[in-house]
Amino acid sequence: MNEKNLFSTDADCSAQAEIYASIDVRKRLVVEYSCSYDDAPQRDFDRRAVVDSEDTAQMAAYYKVGVEQLPQLLFDRCGVPYDSTPSEADGVFKEALDVILDSGVHYKLSNL
């Protein structure tokens, strides 16, 4: 599996958020967003956006990259290359989903 970290929070934050983009074994683009709170575990969540394999191939063609390069493309367009604050995570996830939609394909969003 090809995976790229788009966002991570600083380890000292009371809320930890991470966003990863990957290509799974079925050649689908997957963007996962997880967040956990030290002081409020009831607010923890995991979200996943999955682009089916046909749409993943169409997205790669739209951006003129190989399918395996899509996680890097998402990082280049909206990733944060340093540990950040949790408040920025929602914006990065939204930007990643917008890059997907801009290519004319769709994703399925689910809570894990």
PDB file of N, CA and C in Angstrom:
ATOM      1  N   MET A   1       0.840  -1.174   0.000  1.00  0.00           N
ATOM      2  CA  MET A   1       0.000   0.000   0.000  1.00  0.00           C
ATOM      3  C   MET A   1       0.890   1.245   0.000  1.00  0.00           C
ATOM      4  N   ASN A   2       0.530   2.219  -0.832  1.00  0.00           N
ATOM      5  CA  ASN A   2       1.234   3.489  -0.929  1.00  0.00           C
ATOM      6  C   ASN A   2       0.512   4.491  -0.036  1.00  0.00           C
ATOM      7  N   GLU A   3       1.216   5.096   0.951  1.00  0.00           N
ATOM      8  CA  GLU A   3       0.565   5.961   1.926  1.00  0.00           C
ATOM      9  C   GLU A   3       1.383   7.232   2.143  1.00  0.00           C
ATOM     10  N   LYS A   4       0.669   8.354   2.370  1.00  0.00           N
ATOM     11  CA  LYS A   4       1.322   9.635   2.633  1.00  0.00           C
ATOM     12  C   LYS A   4       0.587  10.322   3.776  1.00  0.00           C
ATOM     13  N   ASN A   5       1.337  10.793   4.762  1.00  0.00           N
ATOM     14  CA  ASN A   5       0.752  11.554   5.866  1.00  0.00           C
ATOM     15  C   ASN A   5       0.519  12.982   5.393  1.00  0.00           C
ATOM     16  N   LEU A   6      -0.757  13.411   5.396  1.00  0.00           N
ATOM     17  CA  LEU A   6      -1.093  14.774   4.979  1.00  0.00           C
ATOM     18  C   LEU A   6      -1.072  15.745   6.142  1.00  0.00           C
ATOM     19  N   PHE A   7      -1.293  15.236   7.359  1.00  0.00           N
ATOM     20  CA  PHE A   7      -1.420  16.117   8.510  1.00  0.00           C
ATOM     21  C   PHE A   7      -1.207  15.329   9.801  1.00  0.00           C
ATOM     22  N   SER A   8      -0.488  15.939  10.742  1.00  0.00           N
ATOM     23  CA  SER A   8      -0.331  15.393  12.095  1.00  0.00           C
ATOM     24  C   SER A   8      -0.282  16.551  13.071  1.00  0.00           C
ATOM     25  N   THR A   9      -0.812  16.309  14.263  1.00  0.00           N
ATOM     26  CA  THR A   9      -0.733  17.331  15.302  1.00  0.00           C
ATOM     27  C   THR A   9       0.557  17.166  16.089  1.00  0.00           C
ATOM     28  N   ASP A  10       0.913  18.215  16.754  1.00  0.00           N
ATOM     29  CA  ASP A  10       2.047  18.203  17.657  1.00  0.00           C
ATOM     30  C   ASP A  10       1.738  17.211  18.780  1.00  0.00           C
ATOM     31  N   ALA A  11       2.702  16.435  19.189  1.00  0.00           N
ATOM     32  CA  ALA A  11       2.509  15.414  20.220  1.00  0.00           C
ATOM     33  C   ALA A  11       2.081  16.002  21.563  1.00  0.00           C
ATOM     34  N   ASP A  12       2.347  17.282  21.796  1.00  0.00           N
ATOM     35  CA  ASP A  12       2.005  17.910  23.066  1.00  0.00           C
ATOM     36  C   ASP A  12       0.557  18.383  23.143  1.00  0.00           C
ATOM     37  N   CYS A  13      -0.178  18.313  22.057  1.00  0.00           N
ATOM     38  CA  CYS A  13      -1.578  18.766  22.044  1.00  0.00           C
ATOM     39  C   CYS A  13      -2.461  17.761  22.777  1.00  0.00           C
ATOM     40  N   SER A  14      -3.514  18.264  23.418  1.00  0.00           N
ATOM     41  CA  SER A  14      -4.449  17.370  24.119  1.00  0.00           C
ATOM     42  C   SER A  14      -5.368  16.644  23.141  1.00  0.00           C
ATOM     43  N   ALA A  15      -5.477  17.144  21.927  1.00  0.00           N
ATOM     44  CA  ALA A  15      -6.217  16.468  20.858  1.00  0.00           C
ATOM     45  C   ALA A  15      -5.209  16.059  19.791  1.00  0.00           C
ATOM     46  N   GLN A  16      -5.305  14.819  19.361  1.00  0.00           N
ATOM     47  CA  GLN A  16      -4.400  14.295  18.348  1.00  0.00           C
ATOM     48  C   GLN A  16      -5.180  14.024  17.065  1.00  0.00           C
ATOM     49  N   ALA A  17      -4.732  14.610  15.964  1.00  0.00           N
ATOM     50  CA  ALA A  17      -5.391  14.405  14.672  1.00  0.00           C
ATOM     51  C   ALA A  17      -4.350  13.981  13.648  1.00  0.00           C
ATOM     52  N   GLU A  18      -4.764  13.063  12.775  1.00  0.00           N
ATOM     53  CA  GLU A  18      -3.908  12.626  11.673  1.00  0.00           C
ATOM     54  C   GLU A  18      -4.765  12.406  10.439  1.00  0.00           C
ATOM     55  N   ILE A  19      -4.185  12.735   9.295  1.00  0.00           N
ATOM     56  CA  ILE A  19      -4.849  12.512   8.017  1.00  0.00           C
ATOM     57  C   ILE A  19      -3.851  11.819   7.095  1.00  0.00           C
ATOM     58  N   TYR A  20      -4.282  10.704   6.531  1.00  0.00           N
ATOM     59  CA  TYR A  20      -3.449   9.942   5.612  1.00  0.00           C
ATOM     60  C   TYR A  20      -4.175   9.765   4.287  1.00  0.00           C
ATOM     61  N   ALA A  21      -3.417   9.774   3.214  1.00  0.00           N
ATOM     62  CA  ALA A  21      -3.931   9.416   1.892  1.00  0.00           C
ATOM     63  C   ALA A  21      -3.171   8.180   1.452  1.00  0.00           C
ATOM     64  N   SER A  22      -3.893   7.231   0.870  1.00  0.00           N
ATOM     65  CA  SER A  22      -3.236   6.000   0.436  1.00  0.00           C
ATOM     66  C   SER A  22      -3.964   5.399  -0.761  1.00  0.00           C
ATOM     67  N   ILE A  23      -3.263   4.498  -1.421  1.00  0.00           N
ATOM     68  CA  ILE A  23      -3.842   3.665  -2.462  1.00  0.00           C
ATOM     69  C   ILE A  23      -3.881   2.261  -1.880  1.00  0.00           C
ATOM     70  N   ASP A  24      -5.085   1.691  -1.785  1.00  0.00           N
ATOM     71  CA  ASP A  24      -5.193   0.360  -1.191  1.00  0.00           C
ATOM     72  C   ASP A  24      -4.929  -0.727  -2.224  1.00  0.00           C
ATOM     73  N   VAL A  25      -5.032  -1.976  -1.808  1.00  0.00           N
ATOM     74  CA  VAL A  25      -4.708  -3.102  -2.687  1.00  0.00           C
ATOM     75  C   VAL A  25      -5.667  -3.218  -3.867  1.00  0.00           C
ATOM     76  N   ARG A  26      -6.847  -2.608  -3.777  1.00  0.00           N
ATOM     77  CA  ARG A  26      -7.809  -2.617  -4.883  1.00  0.00           C
ATOM     78  C   ARG A  26      -7.669  -1.394  -5.779  1.00  0.00           C
ATOM     79  N   LYS A  27      -6.564  -0.647  -5.587  1.00  0.00           N
ATOM     80  CA  LYS A  27      -6.264   0.551  -6.389  1.00  0.00           C
ATOM     81  C   LYS A  27      -7.298   1.660  -6.171  1.00  0.00           C
ATOM     82  N   ARG A  28      -7.820   1.747  -4.943  1.00  0.00           N
ATOM     83  CA  ARG A  28      -8.738   2.821  -4.576  1.00  0.00           C
ATOM     84  C   ARG A  28      -7.967   3.867  -3.792  1.00  0.00           C
ATOM     85  N   LEU A  29      -8.307   5.128  -4.010  1.00  0.00           N
ATOM     86  CA  LEU A  29      -7.737   6.210  -3.206  1.00  0.00           C
ATOM     87  C   LEU A  29      -8.535   6.287  -1.913  1.00  0.00           C
ATOM     88  N   VAL A  30      -7.827   6.305  -0.790  1.00  0.00           N
ATOM     89  CA  VAL A  30      -8.451   6.363   0.521  1.00  0.00           C
ATOM     90  C   VAL A  30      -7.840   7.530   1.291  1.00  0.00           C
ATOM     91  N   VAL A  31      -8.696   8.389   1.848  1.00  0.00           N
ATOM     92  CA  VAL A  31      -8.240   9.486   2.706  1.00  0.00           C
ATOM     93  C   VAL A  31      -8.864   9.261   4.076  1.00  0.00           C
ATOM     94  N   GLU A  32      -8.025   9.050   5.083  1.00  0.00           N
ATOM     95  CA  GLU A  32      -8.507   8.769   6.439  1.00  0.00           C
ATOM     96  C   GLU A  32      -8.143   9.913   7.369  1.00  0.00           C
ATOM     97  N   TYR A  33      -9.121  10.297   8.178  1.00  0.00           N
ATOM     98  CA  TYR A  33      -8.980  11.397   9.137  1.00  0.00           C
ATOM     99  C   TYR A  33      -9.397  10.855  10.492  1.00  0.00           C
ATOM    100  N   SER A  34      -8.473  10.853  11.438  1.00  0.00           N
ATOM    101  CA  SER A  34      -8.796  10.388  12.784  1.00  0.00           C
ATOM    102  C   SER A  34      -8.416  11.468  13.787  1.00  0.00           C
ATOM    103  N   CYS A  35      -9.219  11.545  14.825  1.00  0.00           N
ATOM    104  CA  CYS A  35      -8.974  12.531  15.874  1.00  0.00           C
ATOM    105  C   CYS A  35      -9.343  11.912  17.213  1.00  0.00           C
ATOM    106  N   SER A  36      -8.493  12.109  18.215  1.00  0.00           N
ATOM    107  CA  SER A  36      -8.772  11.624  19.565  1.00  0.00           C
ATOM    108  C   SER A  36      -8.459  12.734  20.565  1.00  0.00           C
ATOM    109  N   TYR A  37      -9.259  12.770  21.597  1.00  0.00           N
ATOM    110  CA  TYR A  37      -9.162  13.816  22.621  1.00  0.00           C
ATOM    111  C   TYR A  37      -8.814  13.186  23.962  1.00  0.00           C
ATOM    112  N   ASP A  38      -7.740  13.672  24.587  1.00  0.00           N
ATOM    113  CA  ASP A  38      -7.334  13.145  25.886  1.00  0.00           C
ATOM    114  C   ASP A  38      -8.404  13.380  26.944  1.00  0.00           C
ATOM    115  N   ASP A  39      -9.022  14.566  26.915  1.00  0.00           N
ATOM    116  CA  ASP A  39      -9.964  14.953  27.966  1.00  0.00           C
ATOM    117  C   ASP A  39     -11.431  14.689  27.622  1.00  0.00           C
ATOM    118  N   ALA A  40     -11.720  14.229  26.409  1.00  0.00           N
ATOM    119  CA  ALA A  40     -13.112  13.981  26.000  1.00  0.00           C
ATOM    120  C   ALA A  40     -13.170  12.854  24.968  1.00  0.00           C
ATOM    121  N   PRO A  41     -12.918  11.618  25.392  1.00  0.00           N
ATOM    122  CA  PRO A  41     -12.882  10.514  24.434  1.00  0.00           C
ATOM    123  C   PRO A  41     -14.199  10.296  23.686  1.00  0.00           C
ATOM    124  N   GLN A  42     -15.307  10.800  24.202  1.00  0.00           N
ATOM    125  CA  GLN A  42     -16.580  10.675  23.497  1.00  0.00           C
ATOM    126  C   GLN A  42     -16.596  11.486  22.207  1.00  0.00           C
ATOM    127  N   ARG A  43     -15.665  12.414  22.052  1.00  0.00           N
ATOM    128  CA  ARG A  43     -15.570  13.225  20.833  1.00  0.00           C
ATOM    129  C   ARG A  43     -14.648  12.603  19.787  1.00  0.00           C
ATOM    130  N   ASP A  44     -13.979  11.497  20.110  1.00  0.00           N
ATOM    131  CA  ASP A  44     -13.078  10.831  19.167  1.00  0.00           C
ATOM    132  C   ASP A  44     -13.845  10.424  17.909  1.00  0.00           C
ATOM    133  N   PHE A  45     -13.167  10.456  16.762  1.00  0.00           N
ATOM    134  CA  PHE A  45     -13.802   9.993  15.531  1.00  0.00           C
ATOM    135  C   PHE A  45     -12.763   9.540  14.517  1.00  0.00           C
ATOM    136  N   ASP A  46     -13.225   8.739  13.585  1.00  0.00           N
ATOM    137  CA  ASP A  46     -12.450   8.294  12.429  1.00  0.00           C
ATOM    138  C   ASP A  46     -13.366   8.428  11.219  1.00  0.00           C
ATOM    139  N   ARG A  47     -12.896   9.141  10.197  1.00  0.00           N
ATOM    140  CA  ARG A  47     -13.649   9.292   8.954  1.00  0.00           C
ATOM    141  C   ARG A  47     -12.799   8.779   7.804  1.00  0.00           C
ATOM    142  N   ARG A  48     -13.485   8.243   6.812  1.00  0.00           N
ATOM    143  CA  ARG A  48     -12.779   7.721   5.649  1.00  0.00           C
ATOM    144  C   ARG A  48     -13.533   8.105   4.387  1.00  0.00           C
ATOM    145  N   ALA A  49     -12.794   8.651   3.430  1.00  0.00           N
ATOM    146  CA  ALA A  49     -13.326   8.918   2.100  1.00  0.00           C
ATOM    147  C   ALA A  49     -12.647   7.946   1.149  1.00  0.00           C
ATOM    148  N   VAL A  50     -13.459   7.217   0.373  1.00  0.00           N
ATOM    149  CA  VAL A  50     -12.928   6.205  -0.545  1.00  0.00           C
ATOM    150  C   VAL A  50     -13.399   6.522  -1.958  1.00  0.00           C
ATOM    151  N   VAL A  51     -12.439   6.569  -2.870  1.00  0.00           N
ATOM    152  CA  VAL A  51     -12.719   6.756  -4.293  1.00  0.00           C
ATOM    153  C   VAL A  51     -12.571   5.385  -4.939  1.00  0.00           C
ATOM    154  N   ASP A  52     -13.619   4.898  -5.622  1.00  0.00           N
ATOM    155  CA  ASP A  52     -13.519   3.558  -6.215  1.00  0.00           C
ATOM    156  C   ASP A  52     -12.396   3.518  -7.252  1.00  0.00           C
ATOM    157  N   SER A  53     -12.006   2.311  -7.638  1.00  0.00           N
ATOM    158  CA  SER A  53     -10.826   2.147  -8.491  1.00  0.00           C
ATOM    159  C   SER A  53     -10.973   2.801  -9.863  1.00  0.00           C
ATOM    160  N   GLU A  54     -12.167   2.743 -10.456  1.00  0.00           N
ATOM    161  CA  GLU A  54     -12.361   3.406 -11.755  1.00  0.00           C
ATOM    162  C   GLU A  54     -12.198   4.915 -11.632  1.00  0.00           C
ATOM    163  N   ASP A  55     -12.815   5.495 -10.607  1.00  0.00           N
ATOM    164  CA  ASP A  55     -12.695   6.938 -10.405  1.00  0.00           C
ATOM    165  C   ASP A  55     -11.274   7.330 -10.008  1.00  0.00           C
ATOM    166  N   THR A  56     -10.587   6.456  -9.274  1.00  0.00           N
ATOM    167  CA  THR A  56      -9.190   6.732  -8.923  1.00  0.00           C
ATOM    168  C   THR A  56      -8.344   6.826 -10.192  1.00  0.00           C
ATOM    169  N   ALA A  57      -8.551   5.895 -11.123  1.00  0.00           N
ATOM    170  CA  ALA A  57      -7.823   5.935 -12.396  1.00  0.00           C
ATOM    171  C   ALA A  57      -8.182   7.190 -13.187  1.00  0.00           C
ATOM    172  N   GLN A  58      -9.463   7.565 -13.164  1.00  0.00           N
ATOM    173  CA  GLN A  58      -9.891   8.780 -13.864  1.00  0.00           C
ATOM    174  C   GLN A  58      -9.269  10.021 -13.229  1.00  0.00           C
ATOM    175  N   MET A  59      -9.195  10.047 -11.908  1.00  0.00           N
ATOM    176  CA  MET A  59      -8.577  11.179 -11.209  1.00  0.00           C
ATOM    177  C   MET A  59      -7.096  11.286 -11.574  1.00  0.00           C
ATOM    178  N   ALA A  60      -6.408  10.160 -11.595  1.00  0.00           N
ATOM    179  CA  ALA A  60      -4.982  10.155 -11.958  1.00  0.00           C
ATOM    180  C   ALA A  60      -4.791  10.686 -13.372  1.00  0.00           C
ATOM    181  N   ALA A  61      -5.659  10.271 -14.292  1.00  0.00           N
ATOM    182  CA  ALA A  61      -5.561  10.757 -15.671  1.00  0.00           C
ATOM    183  C   ALA A  61      -5.828  12.255 -15.740  1.00  0.00           C
ATOM    184  N   TYR A  62      -6.795  12.731 -14.969  1.00  0.00           N
ATOM    185  CA  TYR A  62      -7.118  14.161 -14.950  1.00  0.00           C
ATOM    186  C   TYR A  62      -5.899  14.985 -14.507  1.00  0.00           C
ATOM    187  N   TYR A  63      -5.218  14.520 -13.466  1.00  0.00           N
ATOM    188  CA  TYR A  63      -4.053  15.245 -12.949  1.00  0.00           C
ATOM    189  C   TYR A  63      -2.750  14.852 -13.644  1.00  0.00           C
ATOM    190  N   LYS A  64      -2.839  13.922 -14.613  1.00  0.00           N
ATOM    191  CA  LYS A  64      -1.673  13.483 -15.393  1.00  0.00           C
ATOM    192  C   LYS A  64      -0.566  12.910 -14.514  1.00  0.00           C
ATOM    193  N   VAL A  65      -0.968  12.035 -13.595  1.00  0.00           N
ATOM    194  CA  VAL A  65      -0.026  11.324 -12.736  1.00  0.00           C
ATOM    195  C   VAL A  65      -0.449   9.858 -12.702  1.00  0.00           C
ATOM    196  N   GLY A  66       0.438   9.007 -12.230  1.00  0.00           N
ATOM    197  CA  GLY A  66       0.076   7.615 -12.026  1.00  0.00           C
ATOM    198  C   GLY A  66      -0.790   7.465 -10.782  1.00  0.00           C
ATOM    199  N   VAL A  67      -1.568   6.409 -10.733  1.00  0.00           N
ATOM    200  CA  VAL A  67      -2.430   6.170  -9.572  1.00  0.00           C
ATOM    201  C   VAL A  67      -1.615   6.191  -8.274  1.00  0.00           C
ATOM    202  N   GLU A  68      -0.463   5.555  -8.281  1.00  0.00           N
ATOM    203  CA  GLU A  68       0.372   5.479  -7.072  1.00  0.00           C
ATOM    204  C   GLU A  68       0.900   6.846  -6.630  1.00  0.00           C
ATOM    205  N   GLN A  69       0.829   7.840  -7.506  1.00  0.00           N
ATOM    206  CA  GLN A  69       1.308   9.180  -7.167  1.00  0.00           C
ATOM    207  C   GLN A  69       0.223  10.074  -6.558  1.00  0.00           C
ATOM    208  N   LEU A  70      -1.019   9.609  -6.502  1.00  0.00           N
ATOM    209  CA  LEU A  70      -2.098  10.445  -5.989  1.00  0.00           C
ATOM    210  C   LEU A  70      -1.915  10.859  -4.514  1.00  0.00           C
ATOM    211  N   PRO A  71      -1.452   9.972  -3.614  1.00  0.00           N
ATOM    212  CA  PRO A  71      -1.212  10.444  -2.248  1.00  0.00           C
ATOM    213  C   PRO A  71      -0.196  11.604  -2.195  1.00  0.00           C
ATOM    214  N   GLN A  72       0.850  11.523  -3.001  1.00  0.00           N
ATOM    215  CA  GLN A  72       1.827  12.616  -3.052  1.00  0.00           C
ATOM    216  C   GLN A  72       1.194  13.877  -3.624  1.00  0.00           C
ATOM    217  N   LEU A  73       0.349  13.735  -4.651  1.00  0.00           N
ATOM    218  CA  LEU A  73      -0.342  14.881  -5.231  1.00  0.00           C
ATOM    219  C   LEU A  73      -1.197  15.571  -4.173  1.00  0.00           C
ATOM    220  N   LEU A  74      -1.928  14.789  -3.372  1.00  0.00           N
ATOM    221  CA  LEU A  74      -2.735  15.388  -2.307  1.00  0.00           C
ATOM    222  C   LEU A  74      -1.848  16.096  -1.287  1.00  0.00           C
ATOM    223  N   PHE A  75      -0.712  15.493  -0.955  1.00  0.00           N
ATOM    224  CA  PHE A  75       0.207  16.146  -0.023  1.00  0.00           C
ATOM    225  C   PHE A  75       0.707  17.467  -0.608  1.00  0.00           C
ATOM    226  N   ASP A  76       1.085  17.456  -1.872  1.00  0.00           N
ATOM    227  CA  ASP A  76       1.610  18.664  -2.508  1.00  0.00           C
ATOM    228  C   ASP A  76       0.571  19.779  -2.556  1.00  0.00           C
ATOM    229  N   ARG A  77      -0.698  19.415  -2.706  1.00  0.00           N
ATOM    230  CA  ARG A  77      -1.754  20.419  -2.843  1.00  0.00           C
ATOM    231  C   ARG A  77      -2.333  20.887  -1.516  1.00  0.00           C
ATOM    232  N   CYS A  78      -2.346  20.020  -0.507  1.00  0.00           N
ATOM    233  CA  CYS A  78      -3.005  20.451   0.734  1.00  0.00           C
ATOM    234  C   CYS A  78      -2.351  19.922   2.002  1.00  0.00           C
ATOM    235  N   GLY A  79      -1.283  19.167   1.898  1.00  0.00           N
ATOM    236  CA  GLY A  79      -0.634  18.624   3.082  1.00  0.00           C
ATOM    237  C   GLY A  79       0.096  19.684   3.882  1.00  0.00           C
ATOM    238  N   VAL A  80       0.267  19.399   5.153  1.00  0.00           N
ATOM    239  CA  VAL A  80       1.008  20.280   6.061  1.00  0.00           C
ATOM    240  C   VAL A  80       2.278  19.524   6.448  1.00  0.00           C
ATOM    241  N   PRO A  81       3.455  20.019   6.043  1.00  0.00           N
ATOM    242  CA  PRO A  81       4.692  19.259   6.226  1.00  0.00           C
ATOM    243  C   PRO A  81       5.313  19.343   7.627  1.00  0.00           C
ATOM    244  N   TYR A  82       4.561  19.842   8.604  1.00  0.00           N
ATOM    245  CA  TYR A  82       5.081  19.974   9.970  1.00  0.00           C
ATOM    246  C   TYR A  82       3.946  19.658  10.939  1.00  0.00           C
ATOM    247  N   ASP A  83       4.296  19.319  12.174  1.00  0.00           N
ATOM    248  CA  ASP A  83       3.263  19.084  13.183  1.00  0.00           C
ATOM    249  C   ASP A  83       2.531  20.384  13.439  1.00  0.00           C
ATOM    250  N   SER A  84       1.220  20.305  13.551  1.00  0.00           N
ATOM    251  CA  SER A  84       0.398  21.498  13.625  1.00  0.00           C
ATOM    252  C   SER A  84      -0.604  21.385  14.767  1.00  0.00           C
ATOM    253  N   THR A  85      -1.547  22.325  14.803  1.00  0.00           N
ATOM    254  CA  THR A  85      -2.587  22.315  15.820  1.00  0.00           C
ATOM    255  C   THR A  85      -3.825  21.601  15.280  1.00  0.00           C
ATOM    256  N   PRO A  86      -4.616  20.986  16.154  1.00  0.00           N
ATOM    257  CA  PRO A  86      -5.801  20.254  15.700  1.00  0.00           C
ATOM    258  C   PRO A  86      -6.789  21.119  14.919  1.00  0.00           C
ATOM    259  N   SER A  87      -6.813  22.409  15.175  1.00  0.00           N
ATOM    260  CA  SER A  87      -7.778  23.289  14.508  1.00  0.00           C
ATOM    261  C   SER A  87      -7.568  23.342  12.994  1.00  0.00           C
ATOM    262  N   GLU A  88      -6.405  23.007  12.507  1.00  0.00           N
ATOM    263  CA  GLU A  88      -6.130  23.025  11.071  1.00  0.00           C
ATOM    264  C   GLU A  88      -6.550  21.743  10.357  1.00  0.00           C
ATOM    265  N   ALA A  89      -6.832  20.687  11.098  1.00  0.00           N
ATOM    266  CA  ALA A  89      -7.103  19.379  10.496  1.00  0.00           C
ATOM    267  C   ALA A  89      -8.352  19.387   9.625  1.00  0.00           C
ATOM    268  N   ASP A  90      -9.437  19.982  10.093  1.00  0.00           N
ATOM    269  CA  ASP A  90     -10.672  20.004   9.298  1.00  0.00           C
ATOM    270  C   ASP A  90     -10.438  20.640   7.937  1.00  0.00           C
ATOM    271  N   GLY A  91      -9.682  21.733   7.908  1.00  0.00           N
ATOM    272  CA  GLY A  91      -9.394  22.423   6.654  1.00  0.00           C
ATOM    273  C   GLY A  91      -8.588  21.563   5.699  1.00  0.00           C
ATOM    274  N   VAL A  92      -7.616  20.832   6.208  1.00  0.00           N
ATOM    275  CA  VAL A  92      -6.796  19.963   5.356  1.00  0.00           C
ATOM    276  C   VAL A  92      -7.654  18.834   4.783  1.00  0.00           C
ATOM    277  N   PHE A  93      -8.510  18.231   5.611  1.00  0.00           N
ATOM    278  CA  PHE A  93      -9.381  17.159   5.132  1.00  0.00           C
ATOM    279  C   PHE A  93     -10.321  17.685   4.050  1.00  0.00           C
ATOM    280  N   LYS A  94     -10.911  18.847   4.278  1.00  0.00           N
ATOM    281  CA  LYS A  94     -11.807  19.447   3.291  1.00  0.00           C
ATOM    282  C   LYS A  94     -11.068  19.735   1.982  1.00  0.00           C
ATOM    283  N   GLU A  95      -9.855  20.271   2.084  1.00  0.00           N
ATOM    284  CA  GLU A  95      -9.071  20.553   0.877  1.00  0.00           C
ATOM    285  C   GLU A  95      -8.769  19.274   0.098  1.00  0.00           C
ATOM    286  N   ALA A  96      -8.433  18.203   0.801  1.00  0.00           N
ATOM    287  CA  ALA A  96      -8.155  16.927   0.120  1.00  0.00           C
ATOM    288  C   ALA A  96      -9.397  16.444  -0.615  1.00  0.00           C
ATOM    289  N   LEU A  97     -10.564  16.562   0.025  1.00  0.00           N
ATOM    290  CA  LEU A  97     -11.801  16.141  -0.633  1.00  0.00           C
ATOM    291  C   LEU A  97     -12.123  17.036  -1.819  1.00  0.00           C
ATOM    292  N   ASP A  98     -11.818  18.321  -1.710  1.00  0.00           N
ATOM    293  CA  ASP A  98     -12.042  19.241  -2.831  1.00  0.00           C
ATOM    294  C   ASP A  98     -11.160  18.896  -4.028  1.00  0.00           C
ATOM    295  N   VAL A  99      -9.915  18.490  -3.772  1.00  0.00           N
ATOM    296  CA  VAL A  99      -9.019  18.085  -4.870  1.00  0.00           C
ATOM    297  C   VAL A  99      -9.613  16.879  -5.597  1.00  0.00           C
ATOM    298  N   ILE A 100     -10.194  15.962  -4.840  1.00  0.00           N
ATOM    299  CA  ILE A 100     -10.843  14.805  -5.458  1.00  0.00           C
ATOM    300  C   ILE A 100     -12.002  15.268  -6.335  1.00  0.00           C
ATOM    301  N   LEU A 101     -12.879  16.090  -5.774  1.00  0.00           N
ATOM    302  CA  LEU A 101     -14.056  16.551  -6.515  1.00  0.00           C
ATOM    303  C   LEU A 101     -13.680  17.396  -7.734  1.00  0.00           C
ATOM    304  N   ASP A 102     -12.607  18.170  -7.622  1.00  0.00           N
ATOM    305  CA  ASP A 102     -12.172  19.013  -8.740  1.00  0.00           C
ATOM    306  C   ASP A 102     -11.827  18.192  -9.979  1.00  0.00           C
ATOM    307  N   SER A 103     -11.470  16.935  -9.787  1.00  0.00           N
ATOM    308  CA  SER A 103     -11.117  16.082 -10.921  1.00  0.00           C
ATOM    309  C   SER A 103     -12.350  15.479 -11.593  1.00  0.00           C
ATOM    310  N   GLY A 104     -13.522  15.739 -11.038  1.00  0.00           N
ATOM    311  CA  GLY A 104     -14.755  15.240 -11.638  1.00  0.00           C
ATOM    312  C   GLY A 104     -15.195  13.876 -11.140  1.00  0.00           C
ATOM    313  N   VAL A 105     -14.552  13.360 -10.110  1.00  0.00           N
ATOM    314  CA  VAL A 105     -14.943  12.061  -9.554  1.00  0.00           C
ATOM    315  C   VAL A 105     -15.575  12.259  -8.176  1.00  0.00           C
ATOM    316  N   HIS A 106     -16.088  11.178  -7.632  1.00  0.00           N
ATOM    317  CA  HIS A 106     -16.768  11.234  -6.343  1.00  0.00           C
ATOM    318  C   HIS A 106     -16.115  10.276  -5.359  1.00  0.00           C
ATOM    319  N   TYR A 107     -16.439  10.448  -4.104  1.00  0.00           N
ATOM    320  CA  TYR A 107     -15.951   9.571  -3.046  1.00  0.00           C
ATOM    321  C   TYR A 107     -17.127   9.183  -2.160  1.00  0.00           C
ATOM    322  N   LYS A 108     -16.947   8.120  -1.401  1.00  0.00           N
ATOM    323  CA  LYS A 108     -17.923   7.702  -0.399  1.00  0.00           C
ATOM    324  C   LYS A 108     -17.315   8.000   0.960  1.00  0.00           C
ATOM    325  N   LEU A 109     -18.048   8.743   1.760  1.00  0.00           N
ATOM    326  CA  LEU A 109     -17.581   9.143   3.091  1.00  0.00           C
ATOM    327  C   LEU A 109     -18.250   8.265   4.133  1.00  0.00           C
ATOM    328  N   SER A 110     -17.462   7.758   5.060  1.00  0.00           N
ATOM    329  CA  SER A 110     -18.027   6.945   6.140  1.00  0.00           C
ATOM    330  C   SER A 110     -17.315   7.252   7.445  1.00  0.00           C
ATOM    331  N   ASN A 111     -18.024   6.997   8.533  1.00  0.00           N
ATOM    332  CA  ASN A 111     -17.442   7.074   9.869  1.00  0.00           C
ATOM    333  C   ASN A 111     -17.087   5.668  10.290  1.00  0.00           C
ATOM    334  N   LEU A 112     -15.915   5.504  10.825  1.00  0.00           N
ATOM    335  CA  LEU A 112     -15.470   4.156  11.235  1.00  0.00           C
ATOM    336  C   LEU A 112     -15.766   3.915  12.693  1.00  0.00           C
TER     337      LEU A 112
END
